[in-house]
Amino acid sequence: MGLAFCLVAGCGMASGWPGPWGYLLWSMLLLYGLVHACLLGHFLLFLWPAWLASLVLHRLRGRGRDA
């Protein structure tokens, strides 16, 4: 469950949708996912997919602007 929340939050943050309020929404979702992961004792297992998804989507958005 925590993994799903972290992945969705990472993708949402990287997409920038829906503007400044979106970051608040995605941050809350990411925080919930991280708390859930910490309670299960799998913090790093749940954190790296969110970071990786955010990094990949950020780079894809950057390429779209440069092209």
PDB file of N, CA and C in Angstrom:
ATOM      1  N   MET A   1       0.825  -1.190   0.000  1.00  0.00           N
ATOM      2  CA  MET A   1       0.000   0.000   0.000  1.00  0.00           C
ATOM      3  C   MET A   1       0.876   1.263   0.000  1.00  0.00           C
ATOM      4  N   GLY A   2       1.882   1.270   0.853  1.00  0.00           N
ATOM      5  CA  GLY A   2       2.779   2.422   0.897  1.00  0.00           C
ATOM      6  C   GLY A   2       3.506   2.632  -0.415  1.00  0.00           C
ATOM      7  N   LEU A   3       3.881   1.521  -1.069  1.00  0.00           N
ATOM      8  CA  LEU A   3       4.558   1.605  -2.357  1.00  0.00           C
ATOM      9  C   LEU A   3       3.670   2.277  -3.396  1.00  0.00           C
ATOM     10  N   ALA A   4       2.408   1.911  -3.419  1.00  0.00           N
ATOM     11  CA  ALA A   4       1.478   2.502  -4.385  1.00  0.00           C
ATOM     12  C   ALA A   4       1.328   3.998  -4.149  1.00  0.00           C
ATOM     13  N   PHE A   5       1.188   4.419  -2.906  1.00  0.00           N
ATOM     14  CA  PHE A   5       1.056   5.846  -2.607  1.00  0.00           C
ATOM     15  C   PHE A   5       2.311   6.610  -2.995  1.00  0.00           C
ATOM     16  N   CYS A   6       3.490   6.029  -2.720  1.00  0.00           N
ATOM     17  CA  CYS A   6       4.740   6.702  -3.062  1.00  0.00           C
ATOM     18  C   CYS A   6       4.914   6.820  -4.573  1.00  0.00           C
ATOM     19  N   LEU A   7       4.568   5.783  -5.313  1.00  0.00           N
ATOM     20  CA  LEU A   7       4.689   5.835  -6.770  1.00  0.00           C
ATOM     21  C   LEU A   7       3.743   6.866  -7.371  1.00  0.00           C
ATOM     22  N   VAL A   8       2.507   6.873  -6.917  1.00  0.00           N
ATOM     23  CA  VAL A   8       1.531   7.843  -7.434  1.00  0.00           C
ATOM     24  C   VAL A   8       1.974   9.259  -7.090  1.00  0.00           C
ATOM     25  N   ALA A   9       2.446   9.461  -5.861  1.00  0.00           N
ATOM     26  CA  ALA A   9       2.890  10.796  -5.452  1.00  0.00           C
ATOM     27  C   ALA A   9       4.116  11.238  -6.245  1.00  0.00           C
ATOM     28  N   GLY A  10       5.066  10.336  -6.479  1.00  0.00           N
ATOM     29  CA  GLY A  10       6.259  10.680  -7.265  1.00  0.00           C
ATOM     30  C   GLY A  10       5.900  11.065  -8.684  1.00  0.00           C
ATOM     31  N   CYS A  11       5.008  10.318  -9.302  1.00  0.00           N
ATOM     32  CA  CYS A  11       4.566  10.644 -10.662  1.00  0.00           C
ATOM     33  C   CYS A  11       3.804  11.953 -10.694  1.00  0.00           C
ATOM     34  N   GLY A  12       2.957  12.173  -9.707  1.00  0.00           N
ATOM     35  CA  GLY A  12       2.182  13.411  -9.648  1.00  0.00           C
ATOM     36  C   GLY A  12       3.055  14.633  -9.462  1.00  0.00           C
ATOM     37  N   MET A  13       4.058  14.522  -8.597  1.00  0.00           N
ATOM     38  CA  MET A  13       4.963  15.654  -8.381  1.00  0.00           C
ATOM     39  C   MET A  13       5.750  15.961  -9.646  1.00  0.00           C
ATOM     40  N   ALA A  14       6.202  14.941 -10.325  1.00  0.00           N
ATOM     41  CA  ALA A  14       6.977  15.145 -11.547  1.00  0.00           C
ATOM     42  C   ALA A  14       6.118  15.728 -12.667  1.00  0.00           C
ATOM     43  N   SER A  15       4.845  15.387 -12.686  1.00  0.00           N
ATOM     44  CA  SER A  15       3.967  15.890 -13.747  1.00  0.00           C
ATOM     45  C   SER A  15       3.623  17.365 -13.556  1.00  0.00           C
ATOM     46  N   GLY A  16       3.673  17.838 -12.303  1.00  0.00           N
ATOM     47  CA  GLY A  16       3.350  19.234 -12.033  1.00  0.00           C
ATOM     48  C   GLY A  16       1.857  19.535 -12.070  1.00  0.00           C
ATOM     49  N   TRP A  17       1.036  18.494 -12.119  1.00  0.00           N
ATOM     50  CA  TRP A  17      -0.411  18.690 -12.169  1.00  0.00           C
ATOM     51  C   TRP A  17      -0.980  18.698 -10.775  1.00  0.00           C
ATOM     52  N   PRO A  18      -1.900  19.494 -10.422  1.00  0.00           N
ATOM     53  CA  PRO A  18      -2.536  20.641 -11.079  1.00  0.00           C
ATOM     54  C   PRO A  18      -1.995  21.969 -10.584  1.00  0.00           C
ATOM     55  N   GLY A  19      -0.774  22.246 -10.814  1.00  0.00           N
ATOM     56  CA  GLY A  19      -0.185  23.523 -10.424  1.00  0.00           C
ATOM     57  C   GLY A  19       0.320  23.494  -8.982  1.00  0.00           C
ATOM     58  N   PRO A  20       0.434  24.678  -8.353  1.00  0.00           N
ATOM     59  CA  PRO A  20       1.001  24.766  -6.997  1.00  0.00           C
ATOM     60  C   PRO A  20       0.230  23.941  -5.966  1.00  0.00           C
ATOM     61  N   TRP A  21      -1.098  23.892  -6.093  1.00  0.00           N
ATOM     62  CA  TRP A  21      -1.878  23.109  -5.130  1.00  0.00           C
ATOM     63  C   TRP A  21      -1.621  21.624  -5.305  1.00  0.00           C
ATOM     64  N   GLY A  22      -1.215  21.221  -6.496  1.00  0.00           N
ATOM     65  CA  GLY A  22      -0.909  19.822  -6.746  1.00  0.00           C
ATOM     66  C   GLY A  22       0.255  19.341  -5.896  1.00  0.00           C
ATOM     67  N   TYR A  23       1.259  20.204  -5.687  1.00  0.00           N
ATOM     68  CA  TYR A  23       2.403  19.800  -4.884  1.00  0.00           C
ATOM     69  C   TYR A  23       1.984  19.532  -3.438  1.00  0.00           C
ATOM     70  N   LEU A  24       1.022  20.304  -2.924  1.00  0.00           N
ATOM     71  CA  LEU A  24       0.511  20.051  -1.585  1.00  0.00           C
ATOM     72  C   LEU A  24      -0.180  18.692  -1.531  1.00  0.00           C
ATOM     73  N   LEU A  25      -1.008  18.422  -2.523  1.00  0.00           N
ATOM     74  CA  LEU A  25      -1.706  17.141  -2.594  1.00  0.00           C
ATOM     75  C   LEU A  25      -0.717  15.986  -2.697  1.00  0.00           C
ATOM     76  N   TRP A  26       0.240  16.095  -3.624  1.00  0.00           N
ATOM     77  CA  TRP A  26       1.200  15.003  -3.814  1.00  0.00           C
ATOM     78  C   TRP A  26       2.106  14.850  -2.601  1.00  0.00           C
ATOM     79  N   SER A  27       2.460  15.963  -1.952  1.00  0.00           N
ATOM     80  CA  SER A  27       3.304  15.882  -0.759  1.00  0.00           C
ATOM     81  C   SER A  27       2.591  15.150   0.370  1.00  0.00           C
ATOM     82  N   MET A  28       1.302  15.442   0.531  1.00  0.00           N
ATOM     83  CA  MET A  28       0.536  14.755   1.570  1.00  0.00           C
ATOM     84  C   MET A  28       0.432  13.266   1.265  1.00  0.00           C
ATOM     85  N   LEU A  29       0.224  12.934  -0.004  1.00  0.00           N
ATOM     86  CA  LEU A  29       0.138  11.532  -0.404  1.00  0.00           C
ATOM     87  C   LEU A  29       1.473  10.820  -0.202  1.00  0.00           C
ATOM     88  N   LEU A  30       2.573  11.498  -0.555  1.00  0.00           N
ATOM     89  CA  LEU A  30       3.901  10.929  -0.359  1.00  0.00           C
ATOM     90  C   LEU A  30       4.182  10.735   1.132  1.00  0.00           C
ATOM     91  N   LEU A  31       3.813  11.723   1.943  1.00  0.00           N
ATOM     92  CA  LEU A  31       4.015  11.617   3.384  1.00  0.00           C
ATOM     93  C   LEU A  31       3.239  10.435   3.954  1.00  0.00           C
ATOM     94  N   TYR A  32       2.000  10.267   3.512  1.00  0.00           N
ATOM     95  CA  TYR A  32       1.203   9.123   3.971  1.00  0.00           C
ATOM     96  C   TYR A  32       1.884   7.806   3.573  1.00  0.00           C
ATOM     97  N   GLY A  33       2.366   7.741   2.338  1.00  0.00           N
ATOM     98  CA  GLY A  33       3.044   6.532   1.881  1.00  0.00           C
ATOM     99  C   GLY A  33       4.314   6.251   2.670  1.00  0.00           C
ATOM    100  N   LEU A  34       5.078   7.298   2.967  1.00  0.00           N
ATOM    101  CA  LEU A  34       6.315   7.119   3.727  1.00  0.00           C
ATOM    102  C   LEU A  34       6.038   6.693   5.161  1.00  0.00           C
ATOM    103  N   VAL A  35       5.014   7.290   5.775  1.00  0.00           N
ATOM    104  CA  VAL A  35       4.649   6.895   7.141  1.00  0.00           C
ATOM    105  C   VAL A  35       4.202   5.437   7.148  1.00  0.00           C
ATOM    106  N   HIS A  36       3.389   5.072   6.177  1.00  0.00           N
ATOM    107  CA  HIS A  36       2.929   3.688   6.077  1.00  0.00           C
ATOM    108  C   HIS A  36       4.120   2.750   5.902  1.00  0.00           C
ATOM    109  N   ALA A  37       5.081   3.143   5.060  1.00  0.00           N
ATOM    110  CA  ALA A  37       6.264   2.317   4.824  1.00  0.00           C
ATOM    111  C   ALA A  37       7.123   2.217   6.084  1.00  0.00           C
ATOM    112  N   CYS A  38       7.258   3.326   6.803  1.00  0.00           N
ATOM    113  CA  CYS A  38       8.068   3.305   8.026  1.00  0.00           C
ATOM    114  C   CYS A  38       7.432   2.401   9.081  1.00  0.00           C
ATOM    115  N   LEU A  39       6.117   2.438   9.164  1.00  0.00           N
ATOM    116  CA  LEU A  39       5.442   1.588  10.133  1.00  0.00           C
ATOM    117  C   LEU A  39       5.664   0.112   9.814  1.00  0.00           C
ATOM    118  N   LEU A  40       5.839  -0.187   8.540  1.00  0.00           N
ATOM    119  CA  LEU A  40       6.096  -1.569   8.144  1.00  0.00           C
ATOM    120  C   LEU A  40       7.579  -1.922   8.213  1.00  0.00           C
ATOM    121  N   GLY A  41       8.426  -0.903   8.424  1.00  0.00           N
ATOM    122  CA  GLY A  41       9.856  -1.149   8.504  1.00  0.00           C
ATOM    123  C   GLY A  41      10.525  -1.334   7.155  1.00  0.00           C
ATOM    124  N   HIS A  42       9.898  -0.843   6.093  1.00  0.00           N
ATOM    125  CA  HIS A  42      10.462  -1.000   4.750  1.00  0.00           C
ATOM    126  C   HIS A  42      10.681   0.357   4.098  1.00  0.00           C
ATOM    127  N   PHE A  43      11.241   1.294   4.807  1.00  0.00           N
ATOM    128  CA  PHE A  43      11.363   2.673   4.345  1.00  0.00           C
ATOM    129  C   PHE A  43      12.079   2.779   3.001  1.00  0.00           C
ATOM    130  N   LEU A  44      13.272   2.215   2.890  1.00  0.00           N
ATOM    131  CA  LEU A  44      14.048   2.349   1.650  1.00  0.00           C
ATOM    132  C   LEU A  44      13.413   1.583   0.500  1.00  0.00           C
ATOM    133  N   LEU A  45      12.799   0.469   0.795  1.00  0.00           N
ATOM    134  CA  LEU A  45      12.136  -0.318  -0.235  1.00  0.00           C
ATOM    135  C   LEU A  45      11.026   0.480  -0.909  1.00  0.00           C
ATOM    136  N   PHE A  46      10.329   1.313  -0.137  1.00  0.00           N
ATOM    137  CA  PHE A  46       9.218   2.087  -0.674  1.00  0.00           C
ATOM    138  C   PHE A  46       9.656   3.446  -1.214  1.00  0.00           C
ATOM    139  N   LEU A  47      10.787   3.965  -0.737  1.00  0.00           N
ATOM    140  CA  LEU A  47      11.200   5.306  -1.133  1.00  0.00           C
ATOM    141  C   LEU A  47      11.843   5.328  -2.513  1.00  0.00           C
ATOM    142  N   TRP A  48      12.678   4.365  -2.876  1.00  0.00           N
ATOM    143  CA  TRP A  48      13.411   4.456  -4.139  1.00  0.00           C
ATOM    144  C   TRP A  48      12.523   4.408  -5.368  1.00  0.00           C
ATOM    145  N   PRO A  49      11.407   3.647  -5.409  1.00  0.00           N
ATOM    146  CA  PRO A  49      10.580   3.700  -6.619  1.00  0.00           C
ATOM    147  C   PRO A  49       9.951   5.072  -6.856  1.00  0.00           C
ATOM    148  N   ALA A  50       9.560   5.755  -5.784  1.00  0.00           N
ATOM    149  CA  ALA A  50       8.984   7.094  -5.929  1.00  0.00           C
ATOM    150  C   ALA A  50      10.041   8.062  -6.466  1.00  0.00           C
ATOM    151  N   TRP A  51      11.244   7.980  -5.932  1.00  0.00           N
ATOM    152  CA  TRP A  51      12.313   8.855  -6.393  1.00  0.00           C
ATOM    153  C   TRP A  51      12.649   8.568  -7.852  1.00  0.00           C
ATOM    154  N   LEU A  52      12.728   7.288  -8.201  1.00  0.00           N
ATOM    155  CA  LEU A  52      13.057   6.906  -9.568  1.00  0.00           C
ATOM    156  C   LEU A  52      11.979   7.357 -10.556  1.00  0.00           C
ATOM    157  N   ALA A  53      10.713   7.170 -10.198  1.00  0.00           N
ATOM    158  CA  ALA A  53       9.610   7.604 -11.071  1.00  0.00           C
ATOM    159  C   ALA A  53       9.642   9.118 -11.247  1.00  0.00           C
ATOM    160  N   SER A  54       9.891   9.848 -10.180  1.00  0.00           N
ATOM    161  CA  SER A  54       9.955  11.300 -10.254  1.00  0.00           C
ATOM    162  C   SER A  54      11.108  11.748 -11.156  1.00  0.00           C
ATOM    163  N   LEU A  55      12.260  11.106 -11.022  1.00  0.00           N
ATOM    164  CA  LEU A  55      13.425  11.452 -11.829  1.00  0.00           C
ATOM    165  C   LEU A  55      13.175  11.190 -13.309  1.00  0.00           C
ATOM    166  N   VAL A  56      12.623  10.030 -13.636  1.00  0.00           N
ATOM    167  CA  VAL A  56      12.362   9.670 -15.031  1.00  0.00           C
ATOM    168  C   VAL A  56      11.353  10.633 -15.655  1.00  0.00           C
ATOM    169  N   LEU A  57      10.263  10.899 -14.962  1.00  0.00           N
ATOM    170  CA  LEU A  57       9.250  11.800 -15.513  1.00  0.00           C
ATOM    171  C   LEU A  57       9.775  13.225 -15.651  1.00  0.00           C
ATOM    172  N   HIS A  58      10.609  13.661 -14.710  1.00  0.00           N
ATOM    173  CA  HIS A  58      11.192  15.000 -14.794  1.00  0.00           C
ATOM    174  C   HIS A  58      12.085  15.117 -16.022  1.00  0.00           C
ATOM    175  N   ARG A  59      12.863  14.088 -16.287  1.00  0.00           N
ATOM    176  CA  ARG A  59      13.743  14.108 -17.467  1.00  0.00           C
ATOM    177  C   ARG A  59      12.939  14.048 -18.757  1.00  0.00           C
ATOM    178  N   LEU A  60      11.866  13.268 -18.760  1.00  0.00           N
ATOM    179  CA  LEU A  60      11.022  13.189 -19.957  1.00  0.00           C
ATOM    180  C   LEU A  60      10.355  14.534 -20.237  1.00  0.00           C
ATOM    181  N   ARG A  61       9.900  15.214 -19.208  1.00  0.00           N
ATOM    182  CA  ARG A  61       9.303  16.538 -19.390  1.00  0.00           C
ATOM    183  C   ARG A  61      10.332  17.524 -19.908  1.00  0.00           C
ATOM    184  N   GLY A  62      11.578  17.427 -19.422  1.00  0.00           N
ATOM    185  CA  GLY A  62      12.644  18.323 -19.872  1.00  0.00           C
ATOM    186  C   GLY A  62      12.967  18.115 -21.341  1.00  0.00           C
ATOM    187  N   ARG A  63      12.972  16.875 -21.783  1.00  0.00           N
ATOM    188  CA  ARG A  63      13.240  16.588 -23.200  1.00  0.00           C
ATOM    189  C   ARG A  63      12.124  17.111 -24.088  1.00  0.00           C
ATOM    190  N   GLY A  64      10.907  17.045 -23.618  1.00  0.00           N
ATOM    191  CA  GLY A  64       9.770  17.532 -24.393  1.00  0.00           C
ATOM    192  C   GLY A  64       9.835  19.034 -24.618  1.00  0.00           C
ATOM    193  N   ARG A  65      10.346  19.760 -23.639  1.00  0.00           N
ATOM    194  CA  ARG A  65      10.463  21.208 -23.767  1.00  0.00           C
ATOM    195  C   ARG A  65      11.614  21.594 -24.690  1.00  0.00           C
ATOM    196  N   ASP A  66      12.705  20.832 -24.627  1.00  0.00           N
ATOM    197  CA  ASP A  66      13.889  21.164 -25.431  1.00  0.00           C
ATOM    198  C   ASP A  66      13.696  20.835 -26.905  1.00  0.00           C
ATOM    199  N   ALA A  67      12.883  19.847 -27.190  1.00  0.00           N
ATOM    200  CA  ALA A  67      12.713  19.400 -28.586  1.00  0.00           C
ATOM    201  C   ALA A  67      11.893  20.378 -29.402  1.00  0.00           C
TER     202      ALA A  67
END
